[in-house]
């Protein structure tokens, strides 16, 4: 079943209310706490409305992930660069993102799981969400200036390192300190980018 897309202001309001309520439920109790009937009650929508936009819990999680990176892209667009070099700016941003993940570990675990799902029907949303994440890093790297293919390829690798470090931390294989170290090492790929972008 294809999820419906909100079109009117009232539908957008209900859609955002469902996402915000679901995010709070996930942060408080993880995936087990996210029950669709209770979500509909808390968001003050009918269960039919909820399922029209989110046919399954995974569709809901994918929409939350997508929305978070949309918000991140808007946020970095209004921020001053944090760091003197590409490497510093991207490292600072990803470490800040990891700190946010640590604050909401249950939410992070749920979103990380669904973004690694291999079902073909999820692929378009996952690809779009990853592209948003990449656009966030591109903006951070060059403060909104155009990014060439060489830097874009390196940023994709840095994203993969970030995702793997987060996954190991969530699984309890690595400590938070080890994850931060891996993120810094991954960003070392960007050490010469300022010379190449000049």
N, C-alpha and C. Protein backbone atom coordinates (compact mmCIF):
# COMPACT_ATOMS: atom_id res chain seq x y z
N UNK A 1 0.84 -1.19 0.00
CA UNK A 1 0.00 0.00 0.00
C UNK A 1 0.88 1.25 0.00
N UNK A 2 0.55 2.20 -0.87
CA UNK A 2 1.33 3.43 -0.96
C UNK A 2 0.81 4.45 0.05
N UNK A 3 1.68 4.99 0.90
CA UNK A 3 1.23 5.98 1.89
C UNK A 3 0.66 7.22 1.22
N UNK A 4 -0.40 7.78 1.81
CA UNK A 4 -0.97 9.03 1.31
C UNK A 4 -0.02 10.19 1.63
N UNK A 5 -0.15 11.25 0.86
CA UNK A 5 0.66 12.45 1.05
C UNK A 5 -0.25 13.60 1.45
N UNK A 6 0.04 14.30 2.54
CA UNK A 6 -0.82 15.42 2.94
C UNK A 6 -0.77 16.54 1.90
N UNK A 7 -1.92 17.18 1.67
CA UNK A 7 -1.97 18.25 0.67
C UNK A 7 -2.56 19.55 1.22
N UNK A 8 -3.50 19.47 2.14
CA UNK A 8 -4.11 20.68 2.68
C UNK A 8 -3.40 21.07 3.98
N UNK A 9 -3.55 22.33 4.42
CA UNK A 9 -2.94 22.74 5.71
C UNK A 9 -3.39 21.86 6.87
N UNK A 10 -4.68 21.49 6.90
CA UNK A 10 -5.18 20.65 7.99
C UNK A 10 -4.53 19.27 7.96
N UNK A 11 -4.35 18.72 6.76
CA UNK A 11 -3.69 17.42 6.63
C UNK A 11 -2.23 17.50 7.05
N UNK A 12 -1.55 18.57 6.68
CA UNK A 12 -0.16 18.76 7.10
C UNK A 12 -0.06 18.84 8.62
N UNK A 13 -1.00 19.54 9.24
CA UNK A 13 -1.00 19.66 10.70
C UNK A 13 -1.16 18.29 11.35
N UNK A 14 -2.12 17.51 10.85
CA UNK A 14 -2.33 16.17 11.41
C UNK A 14 -1.10 15.29 11.19
N UNK A 15 -0.51 15.39 10.01
CA UNK A 15 0.67 14.60 9.66
C UNK A 15 1.82 14.90 10.62
N UNK A 16 2.09 16.19 10.81
CA UNK A 16 3.17 16.58 11.71
C UNK A 16 2.88 16.19 13.15
N UNK A 17 1.62 16.28 13.55
CA UNK A 17 1.26 15.89 14.92
C UNK A 17 1.50 14.40 15.13
N UNK A 18 1.18 13.59 14.13
CA UNK A 18 1.43 12.15 14.24
C UNK A 18 2.93 11.87 14.34
N UNK A 19 3.73 12.55 13.52
CA UNK A 19 5.18 12.34 13.56
C UNK A 19 5.77 12.78 14.91
N UNK A 20 5.34 13.93 15.40
CA UNK A 20 5.88 14.43 16.67
C UNK A 20 5.49 13.53 17.83
N UNK A 21 4.25 13.06 17.82
CA UNK A 21 3.80 12.16 18.89
C UNK A 21 4.54 10.84 18.84
N UNK A 22 4.71 10.31 17.63
CA UNK A 22 5.44 9.05 17.48
C UNK A 22 6.89 9.19 17.92
N UNK A 23 7.52 10.31 17.60
CA UNK A 23 8.90 10.55 18.00
C UNK A 23 9.02 10.55 19.52
N UNK A 24 8.08 11.21 20.19
CA UNK A 24 8.10 11.24 21.65
C UNK A 24 7.90 9.85 22.24
N UNK A 25 7.02 9.07 21.66
CA UNK A 25 6.79 7.71 22.16
C UNK A 25 8.02 6.84 21.97
N UNK A 26 8.69 6.97 20.82
CA UNK A 26 9.91 6.21 20.57
C UNK A 26 11.02 6.60 21.53
N UNK A 27 11.18 7.90 21.75
CA UNK A 27 12.23 8.37 22.64
C UNK A 27 11.99 7.89 24.07
N UNK A 28 10.72 7.77 24.44
CA UNK A 28 10.41 7.36 25.81
C UNK A 28 10.50 5.87 26.05
N UNK A 29 10.14 5.06 25.05
CA UNK A 29 10.10 3.63 25.30
C UNK A 29 10.59 2.75 24.19
N UNK A 30 11.10 3.32 23.11
CA UNK A 30 11.60 2.52 22.00
C UNK A 30 10.47 1.97 21.14
N UNK A 31 10.82 1.08 20.21
CA UNK A 31 9.83 0.57 19.26
C UNK A 31 8.68 -0.17 19.93
N UNK A 32 8.96 -0.87 21.02
CA UNK A 32 7.90 -1.62 21.70
C UNK A 32 6.82 -0.69 22.24
N UNK A 33 7.20 0.53 22.57
CA UNK A 33 6.23 1.49 23.13
C UNK A 33 5.40 2.16 22.04
N UNK A 34 5.80 2.01 20.79
CA UNK A 34 5.09 2.67 19.69
C UNK A 34 4.00 1.73 19.17
N UNK A 35 2.83 1.88 19.73
CA UNK A 35 1.66 1.10 19.31
C UNK A 35 0.73 2.01 18.52
N UNK A 36 0.31 1.55 17.35
CA UNK A 36 -0.41 2.41 16.43
C UNK A 36 -1.73 2.91 17.03
N UNK A 37 -2.45 2.07 17.74
CA UNK A 37 -3.73 2.50 18.32
C UNK A 37 -3.51 3.61 19.34
N UNK A 38 -2.50 3.42 20.20
CA UNK A 38 -2.20 4.44 21.21
C UNK A 38 -1.70 5.73 20.54
N UNK A 39 -0.91 5.59 19.48
CA UNK A 39 -0.43 6.77 18.75
C UNK A 39 -1.60 7.57 18.20
N UNK A 40 -2.57 6.87 17.58
CA UNK A 40 -3.73 7.58 17.04
C UNK A 40 -4.48 8.33 18.14
N UNK A 41 -4.62 7.70 19.31
CA UNK A 41 -5.31 8.35 20.42
C UNK A 41 -4.55 9.58 20.90
N UNK A 42 -3.24 9.45 21.06
CA UNK A 42 -2.43 10.57 21.55
C UNK A 42 -2.36 11.72 20.55
N UNK A 43 -2.34 11.38 19.27
CA UNK A 43 -2.25 12.41 18.23
C UNK A 43 -3.63 12.96 17.85
N UNK A 44 -4.67 12.40 18.46
CA UNK A 44 -6.06 12.84 18.23
C UNK A 44 -6.42 12.72 16.75
N UNK A 45 -6.18 11.54 16.19
CA UNK A 45 -6.60 11.22 14.82
C UNK A 45 -7.24 9.84 14.85
N UNK A 46 -8.00 9.54 13.83
CA UNK A 46 -8.58 8.19 13.76
C UNK A 46 -7.50 7.19 13.35
N UNK A 47 -7.72 5.94 13.70
CA UNK A 47 -6.77 4.90 13.32
C UNK A 47 -6.71 4.77 11.80
N UNK A 48 -7.84 4.98 11.15
CA UNK A 48 -7.88 4.92 9.68
C UNK A 48 -7.01 6.01 9.07
N UNK A 49 -7.05 7.22 9.66
CA UNK A 49 -6.21 8.31 9.17
C UNK A 49 -4.73 7.97 9.35
N UNK A 50 -4.39 7.43 10.51
CA UNK A 50 -3.00 7.06 10.78
C UNK A 50 -2.50 6.05 9.74
N UNK A 51 -3.30 5.01 9.49
CA UNK A 51 -2.87 3.97 8.55
C UNK A 51 -2.88 4.46 7.10
N UNK A 52 -3.68 5.48 6.80
CA UNK A 52 -3.68 6.01 5.44
C UNK A 52 -2.32 6.65 5.12
N UNK A 53 -1.73 7.34 6.12
CA UNK A 53 -0.43 7.98 5.91
C UNK A 53 0.73 7.04 6.21
N UNK A 54 0.51 6.12 7.14
CA UNK A 54 1.58 5.21 7.57
C UNK A 54 1.03 3.79 7.64
N UNK A 55 1.07 3.05 6.52
CA UNK A 55 0.51 1.69 6.49
C UNK A 55 1.14 0.72 7.48
N UNK A 56 2.35 1.03 7.94
CA UNK A 56 3.02 0.18 8.92
C UNK A 56 3.90 1.04 9.82
N UNK A 57 4.37 0.44 10.87
CA UNK A 57 5.27 1.16 11.78
C UNK A 57 6.55 1.57 11.07
N UNK A 58 7.02 0.74 10.16
CA UNK A 58 8.25 1.08 9.42
C UNK A 58 8.05 2.32 8.55
N UNK A 59 6.87 2.45 7.93
CA UNK A 59 6.60 3.66 7.15
C UNK A 59 6.67 4.90 8.04
N UNK A 60 6.19 4.76 9.24
CA UNK A 60 6.24 5.86 10.20
C UNK A 60 7.68 6.20 10.56
N UNK A 61 8.50 5.18 10.82
CA UNK A 61 9.90 5.40 11.16
C UNK A 61 10.65 6.05 10.00
N UNK A 62 10.38 5.61 8.79
CA UNK A 62 11.04 6.19 7.63
C UNK A 62 10.66 7.66 7.47
N UNK A 63 9.40 7.98 7.71
CA UNK A 63 8.96 9.37 7.61
C UNK A 63 9.62 10.24 8.68
N UNK A 64 9.79 9.69 9.88
CA UNK A 64 10.48 10.44 10.94
C UNK A 64 11.92 10.71 10.53
N UNK A 65 12.61 9.70 10.02
CA UNK A 65 14.00 9.86 9.59
C UNK A 65 14.12 10.93 8.51
N UNK A 66 13.25 10.84 7.52
CA UNK A 66 13.26 11.80 6.42
C UNK A 66 13.03 13.21 6.94
N UNK A 67 12.05 13.36 7.82
CA UNK A 67 11.74 14.67 8.37
C UNK A 67 12.87 15.25 9.20
N UNK A 68 13.58 14.40 9.91
CA UNK A 68 14.69 14.89 10.74
C UNK A 68 15.82 15.46 9.88
N UNK A 69 16.10 14.82 8.74
CA UNK A 69 17.16 15.35 7.88
C UNK A 69 16.69 16.57 7.09
N UNK A 70 15.40 16.64 6.80
CA UNK A 70 14.87 17.88 6.21
C UNK A 70 15.06 19.04 7.17
N UNK A 71 14.75 18.81 8.43
CA UNK A 71 14.92 19.84 9.46
C UNK A 71 16.39 20.20 9.64
N UNK A 72 17.26 19.19 9.59
CA UNK A 72 18.70 19.43 9.74
C UNK A 72 19.22 20.30 8.61
N UNK A 73 18.73 20.05 7.39
CA UNK A 73 19.17 20.83 6.24
C UNK A 73 18.75 22.29 6.39
N UNK A 74 17.53 22.52 6.86
CA UNK A 74 17.09 23.90 7.10
C UNK A 74 17.92 24.56 8.20
N UNK A 75 18.23 23.79 9.23
CA UNK A 75 18.96 24.34 10.37
C UNK A 75 20.38 24.75 9.99
N UNK A 76 21.10 23.87 9.28
CA UNK A 76 22.49 24.22 8.94
C UNK A 76 22.54 25.37 7.95
N UNK A 77 21.47 25.56 7.19
CA UNK A 77 21.42 26.68 6.26
C UNK A 77 21.42 28.02 6.94
N UNK A 78 20.99 28.05 8.20
CA UNK A 78 20.95 29.30 8.94
C UNK A 78 22.05 29.44 9.97
N UNK A 79 23.00 28.52 9.98
CA UNK A 79 24.07 28.55 10.98
C UNK A 79 25.39 29.02 10.38
N UNK A 80 26.20 29.65 11.20
CA UNK A 80 27.56 30.00 10.78
C UNK A 80 28.42 28.74 10.82
N UNK A 81 29.40 28.60 9.91
CA UNK A 81 30.28 27.43 9.92
C UNK A 81 31.00 27.26 11.25
N UNK A 82 31.13 26.02 11.71
CA UNK A 82 31.82 25.72 12.97
C UNK A 82 33.11 25.00 12.66
N UNK A 83 34.16 25.76 12.42
CA UNK A 83 35.45 25.18 12.09
C UNK A 83 36.09 25.93 10.95
N UNK A 84 37.42 25.90 10.92
CA UNK A 84 38.17 26.65 9.92
C UNK A 84 38.40 25.87 8.64
N UNK A 85 38.26 24.55 8.68
CA UNK A 85 38.52 23.72 7.50
C UNK A 85 37.34 22.80 7.24
N UNK A 86 37.30 22.19 6.05
CA UNK A 86 36.27 21.22 5.72
C UNK A 86 36.26 20.09 6.75
N UNK A 87 37.45 19.57 7.05
CA UNK A 87 37.55 18.46 8.00
C UNK A 87 36.99 18.86 9.37
N UNK A 88 37.35 20.04 9.85
CA UNK A 88 36.87 20.49 11.17
C UNK A 88 35.36 20.67 11.17
N UNK A 89 34.84 21.28 10.11
CA UNK A 89 33.40 21.55 10.07
C UNK A 89 32.58 20.26 10.04
N UNK A 90 32.99 19.32 9.20
CA UNK A 90 32.25 18.06 9.10
C UNK A 90 32.41 17.25 10.38
N UNK A 91 33.61 17.22 10.93
CA UNK A 91 33.84 16.50 12.18
C UNK A 91 32.97 17.07 13.29
N UNK A 92 32.97 18.39 13.43
CA UNK A 92 32.17 19.03 14.48
C UNK A 92 30.69 18.71 14.31
N UNK A 93 30.23 18.75 13.07
CA UNK A 93 28.81 18.48 12.82
C UNK A 93 28.46 17.04 13.18
N UNK A 94 29.26 16.08 12.73
CA UNK A 94 28.94 14.68 12.98
C UNK A 94 29.06 14.31 14.45
N UNK A 95 29.99 14.92 15.15
CA UNK A 95 30.08 14.67 16.59
C UNK A 95 28.86 15.24 17.31
N UNK A 96 28.38 16.38 16.83
CA UNK A 96 27.16 16.96 17.40
C UNK A 96 25.96 16.05 17.09
N UNK A 97 25.91 15.51 15.87
CA UNK A 97 24.83 14.59 15.50
C UNK A 97 24.89 13.34 16.37
N UNK A 98 26.09 12.84 16.62
CA UNK A 98 26.22 11.65 17.46
C UNK A 98 25.78 11.94 18.89
N UNK A 99 26.08 13.12 19.41
CA UNK A 99 25.62 13.48 20.76
C UNK A 99 24.10 13.48 20.81
N UNK A 100 23.46 13.98 19.76
CA UNK A 100 21.99 13.96 19.70
C UNK A 100 21.48 12.52 19.68
N UNK A 101 22.16 11.65 18.95
CA UNK A 101 21.78 10.23 18.92
C UNK A 101 21.90 9.60 20.31
N UNK A 102 22.94 9.97 21.03
CA UNK A 102 23.13 9.44 22.38
C UNK A 102 22.01 9.86 23.32
N UNK A 103 21.53 11.09 23.16
CA UNK A 103 20.47 11.58 24.04
C UNK A 103 19.18 10.80 23.85
N UNK A 104 18.93 10.32 22.63
CA UNK A 104 17.71 9.57 22.33
C UNK A 104 18.07 8.21 21.77
N UNK A 105 18.70 7.38 22.59
CA UNK A 105 19.24 6.12 22.10
C UNK A 105 18.15 5.20 21.56
N UNK A 106 16.99 5.16 22.21
CA UNK A 106 15.91 4.28 21.74
C UNK A 106 15.39 4.73 20.38
N UNK A 107 15.25 6.04 20.22
CA UNK A 107 14.83 6.58 18.93
C UNK A 107 15.88 6.29 17.86
N UNK A 108 17.15 6.50 18.21
CA UNK A 108 18.25 6.24 17.28
C UNK A 108 18.26 4.79 16.84
N UNK A 109 18.04 3.87 17.78
CA UNK A 109 18.04 2.44 17.44
C UNK A 109 16.94 2.11 16.45
N UNK A 110 15.75 2.67 16.66
CA UNK A 110 14.63 2.39 15.77
C UNK A 110 14.89 2.93 14.37
N UNK A 111 15.38 4.17 14.30
CA UNK A 111 15.61 4.79 12.99
C UNK A 111 16.77 4.13 12.26
N UNK A 112 17.81 3.74 12.99
CA UNK A 112 18.94 3.06 12.38
C UNK A 112 18.51 1.72 11.79
N UNK A 113 17.66 1.01 12.52
CA UNK A 113 17.19 -0.29 12.03
C UNK A 113 16.44 -0.14 10.71
N UNK A 114 15.50 0.80 10.66
CA UNK A 114 14.66 0.90 9.46
C UNK A 114 15.46 1.42 8.27
N UNK A 115 16.47 2.25 8.52
CA UNK A 115 17.27 2.79 7.42
C UNK A 115 18.24 1.75 6.85
N UNK A 116 18.40 0.63 7.54
CA UNK A 116 19.25 -0.44 7.01
C UNK A 116 18.41 -1.59 6.46
N UNK A 117 17.10 -1.41 6.41
CA UNK A 117 16.20 -2.44 5.88
C UNK A 117 16.45 -2.61 4.38
N UNK A 118 16.39 -3.83 3.90
CA UNK A 118 16.71 -4.11 2.49
C UNK A 118 15.47 -4.40 1.64
N UNK A 119 14.28 -4.18 2.19
CA UNK A 119 13.08 -4.43 1.38
C UNK A 119 12.99 -3.43 0.23
N UNK A 120 12.75 -3.91 -0.98
CA UNK A 120 12.75 -3.02 -2.15
C UNK A 120 11.76 -1.86 -2.04
N UNK A 121 10.61 -2.09 -1.39
CA UNK A 121 9.61 -1.02 -1.32
C UNK A 121 10.06 0.16 -0.44
N UNK A 122 11.06 -0.09 0.41
CA UNK A 122 11.58 0.99 1.26
C UNK A 122 12.73 1.76 0.60
N UNK A 123 13.29 1.17 -0.44
CA UNK A 123 14.51 1.72 -1.05
C UNK A 123 14.38 3.19 -1.47
N UNK A 124 13.27 3.61 -2.12
CA UNK A 124 13.20 5.01 -2.54
C UNK A 124 13.27 6.00 -1.38
N UNK A 125 12.57 5.71 -0.28
CA UNK A 125 12.58 6.62 0.87
C UNK A 125 13.94 6.61 1.54
N UNK A 126 14.54 5.43 1.66
CA UNK A 126 15.86 5.33 2.27
C UNK A 126 16.88 6.11 1.44
N UNK A 127 16.82 5.96 0.12
CA UNK A 127 17.76 6.67 -0.76
C UNK A 127 17.57 8.19 -0.65
N UNK A 128 16.32 8.64 -0.59
CA UNK A 128 16.05 10.07 -0.46
C UNK A 128 16.55 10.60 0.87
N UNK A 129 16.37 9.82 1.93
CA UNK A 129 16.83 10.23 3.26
C UNK A 129 18.35 10.31 3.30
N UNK A 130 19.02 9.33 2.70
CA UNK A 130 20.49 9.36 2.65
C UNK A 130 20.98 10.56 1.84
N UNK A 131 20.26 10.88 0.77
CA UNK A 131 20.63 12.03 -0.05
C UNK A 131 20.48 13.33 0.75
N UNK A 132 19.46 13.41 1.58
CA UNK A 132 19.29 14.59 2.45
C UNK A 132 20.45 14.71 3.42
N UNK A 133 20.86 13.57 4.00
CA UNK A 133 21.99 13.58 4.93
C UNK A 133 23.25 14.07 4.22
N UNK A 134 23.45 13.58 3.00
CA UNK A 134 24.61 14.01 2.23
C UNK A 134 24.55 15.52 1.95
N UNK A 135 23.37 16.02 1.61
CA UNK A 135 23.23 17.46 1.36
C UNK A 135 23.54 18.28 2.61
N UNK A 136 23.17 17.76 3.77
CA UNK A 136 23.52 18.44 5.03
C UNK A 136 25.04 18.53 5.16
N UNK A 137 25.72 17.42 4.92
CA UNK A 137 27.18 17.40 5.05
C UNK A 137 27.85 18.29 4.00
N UNK A 138 27.29 18.30 2.79
CA UNK A 138 27.84 19.16 1.74
C UNK A 138 27.74 20.63 2.14
N UNK A 139 26.60 21.00 2.69
CA UNK A 139 26.43 22.39 3.11
C UNK A 139 27.40 22.74 4.24
N UNK A 140 27.52 21.83 5.19
CA UNK A 140 28.44 22.06 6.31
C UNK A 140 29.88 22.17 5.81
N UNK A 141 30.25 21.29 4.89
CA UNK A 141 31.64 21.22 4.41
C UNK A 141 32.10 22.53 3.78
N UNK A 142 31.27 23.10 2.91
CA UNK A 142 31.69 24.29 2.17
C UNK A 142 30.79 25.49 2.42
N UNK A 143 30.09 25.47 3.55
CA UNK A 143 29.24 26.60 3.95
C UNK A 143 28.28 27.02 2.84
N UNK A 144 27.72 26.04 2.14
CA UNK A 144 26.74 26.33 1.12
C UNK A 144 27.28 26.51 -0.28
N UNK A 145 28.61 26.55 -0.43
CA UNK A 145 29.19 26.68 -1.78
C UNK A 145 29.06 25.34 -2.53
N UNK A 146 29.13 25.36 -3.86
CA UNK A 146 28.99 24.12 -4.63
C UNK A 146 30.06 23.08 -4.26
N UNK A 147 29.65 21.84 -4.27
CA UNK A 147 30.54 20.72 -3.91
C UNK A 147 30.84 19.93 -5.18
N UNK A 148 32.13 19.61 -5.41
CA UNK A 148 32.47 18.83 -6.60
C UNK A 148 32.33 17.32 -6.32
N UNK A 149 32.44 16.53 -7.37
CA UNK A 149 32.23 15.08 -7.24
C UNK A 149 33.26 14.41 -6.34
N UNK A 150 34.49 14.94 -6.35
CA UNK A 150 35.55 14.36 -5.53
C UNK A 150 35.20 14.47 -4.04
N UNK A 151 34.79 15.66 -3.62
CA UNK A 151 34.41 15.85 -2.22
C UNK A 151 33.14 15.06 -1.90
N UNK A 152 32.20 15.04 -2.84
CA UNK A 152 30.95 14.31 -2.60
C UNK A 152 31.23 12.82 -2.35
N UNK A 153 32.14 12.23 -3.12
CA UNK A 153 32.47 10.82 -2.92
C UNK A 153 33.09 10.59 -1.54
N UNK A 154 33.95 11.51 -1.13
CA UNK A 154 34.56 11.37 0.20
C UNK A 154 33.53 11.52 1.31
N UNK A 155 32.59 12.45 1.11
CA UNK A 155 31.56 12.65 2.13
C UNK A 155 30.67 11.41 2.25
N UNK A 156 30.44 10.72 1.14
CA UNK A 156 29.65 9.47 1.22
C UNK A 156 30.38 8.43 2.07
N UNK A 157 31.69 8.35 1.91
CA UNK A 157 32.47 7.40 2.71
C UNK A 157 32.42 7.80 4.18
N UNK A 158 32.54 9.09 4.45
CA UNK A 158 32.46 9.60 5.83
C UNK A 158 31.09 9.25 6.43
N UNK A 159 30.04 9.40 5.63
CA UNK A 159 28.69 9.02 6.09
C UNK A 159 28.63 7.54 6.45
N UNK A 160 29.26 6.70 5.63
CA UNK A 160 29.26 5.26 5.90
C UNK A 160 30.00 4.95 7.20
N UNK A 161 31.12 5.63 7.42
CA UNK A 161 31.87 5.44 8.66
C UNK A 161 31.02 5.87 9.86
N UNK A 162 30.34 6.99 9.71
CA UNK A 162 29.47 7.49 10.78
C UNK A 162 28.37 6.48 11.09
N UNK A 163 27.74 5.94 10.05
CA UNK A 163 26.67 4.96 10.25
C UNK A 163 27.18 3.69 10.91
N UNK A 164 28.35 3.23 10.48
CA UNK A 164 28.92 2.01 11.06
C UNK A 164 29.31 2.23 12.52
N UNK A 165 29.88 3.39 12.82
CA UNK A 165 30.26 3.70 14.21
C UNK A 165 29.02 3.76 15.10
N UNK A 166 27.96 4.38 14.59
CA UNK A 166 26.71 4.45 15.35
C UNK A 166 26.14 3.05 15.57
N UNK A 167 26.17 2.21 14.52
CA UNK A 167 25.66 0.85 14.64
C UNK A 167 26.40 0.02 15.67
N UNK A 168 27.73 0.15 15.69
CA UNK A 168 28.52 -0.61 16.67
C UNK A 168 28.24 -0.13 18.09
N UNK A 169 28.07 1.18 18.23
CA UNK A 169 27.74 1.72 19.56
C UNK A 169 26.37 1.22 20.02
N UNK A 170 25.38 1.24 19.13
CA UNK A 170 24.04 0.78 19.48
C UNK A 170 24.05 -0.69 19.87
N UNK A 171 24.89 -1.48 19.18
CA UNK A 171 24.96 -2.93 19.46
C UNK A 171 25.76 -3.25 20.72
N UNK A 172 26.40 -2.23 21.29
CA UNK A 172 27.21 -2.46 22.49
C UNK A 172 28.60 -3.01 22.19
N UNK A 173 28.96 -3.03 20.91
CA UNK A 173 30.27 -3.52 20.51
C UNK A 173 31.35 -2.48 20.80
N UNK A 174 30.99 -1.21 20.61
CA UNK A 174 31.92 -0.10 20.84
C UNK A 174 31.34 0.84 21.88
N UNK A 175 32.23 1.50 22.61
CA UNK A 175 31.78 2.53 23.54
C UNK A 175 31.51 3.82 22.76
N UNK A 176 30.88 4.77 23.43
CA UNK A 176 30.64 6.07 22.80
C UNK A 176 31.96 6.75 22.45
N UNK A 177 32.96 6.60 23.32
CA UNK A 177 34.28 7.19 23.06
C UNK A 177 34.91 6.57 21.82
N UNK A 178 34.77 5.25 21.66
CA UNK A 178 35.31 4.58 20.47
C UNK A 178 34.58 5.04 19.21
N UNK A 179 33.26 5.22 19.32
CA UNK A 179 32.49 5.69 18.17
C UNK A 179 32.95 7.09 17.76
N UNK A 180 33.17 7.96 18.74
CA UNK A 180 33.64 9.32 18.42
C UNK A 180 35.02 9.27 17.77
N UNK A 181 35.87 8.37 18.22
CA UNK A 181 37.19 8.21 17.61
C UNK A 181 37.06 7.77 16.16
N UNK A 182 36.18 6.80 15.90
CA UNK A 182 35.99 6.33 14.53
C UNK A 182 35.46 7.44 13.62
N UNK A 183 34.56 8.25 14.15
CA UNK A 183 34.02 9.37 13.36
C UNK A 183 35.14 10.35 13.02
N UNK A 184 35.99 10.67 13.99
CA UNK A 184 37.11 11.58 13.72
C UNK A 184 38.07 11.00 12.68
N UNK A 185 38.35 9.70 12.80
CA UNK A 185 39.25 9.06 11.84
C UNK A 185 38.63 9.08 10.44
N UNK A 186 37.33 8.80 10.34
CA UNK A 186 36.66 8.85 9.05
C UNK A 186 36.75 10.22 8.41
N UNK A 187 36.61 11.26 9.21
CA UNK A 187 36.68 12.64 8.71
C UNK A 187 38.09 13.04 8.28
N UNK A 188 39.08 12.23 8.66
CA UNK A 188 40.46 12.51 8.23
C UNK A 188 40.58 12.44 6.71
N UNK A 189 39.65 11.75 6.06
CA UNK A 189 39.62 11.71 4.59
C UNK A 189 39.47 13.10 3.98
N UNK A 190 38.99 14.04 4.76
CA UNK A 190 38.70 15.38 4.26
C UNK A 190 39.82 16.37 4.54
N UNK A 191 40.97 15.88 4.99
CA UNK A 191 42.01 16.78 5.49
C UNK A 191 42.58 17.73 4.44
N UNK A 192 42.59 17.33 3.16
CA UNK A 192 43.19 18.18 2.13
C UNK A 192 42.15 18.89 1.27
N UNK A 193 40.90 18.83 1.67
CA UNK A 193 39.84 19.34 0.80
C UNK A 193 39.86 20.85 0.62
N UNK A 194 40.38 21.57 1.60
CA UNK A 194 40.41 23.03 1.47
C UNK A 194 41.35 23.46 0.35
N UNK A 195 42.49 22.78 0.21
CA UNK A 195 43.43 23.10 -0.86
C UNK A 195 42.80 22.79 -2.22
N UNK A 196 42.08 21.66 -2.30
CA UNK A 196 41.51 21.25 -3.57
C UNK A 196 40.33 22.13 -3.96
N UNK A 197 39.61 22.67 -2.95
CA UNK A 197 38.45 23.51 -3.22
C UNK A 197 38.84 24.95 -3.53
N UNK A 198 40.09 25.32 -3.21
CA UNK A 198 40.54 26.70 -3.38
C UNK A 198 40.69 27.07 -4.86
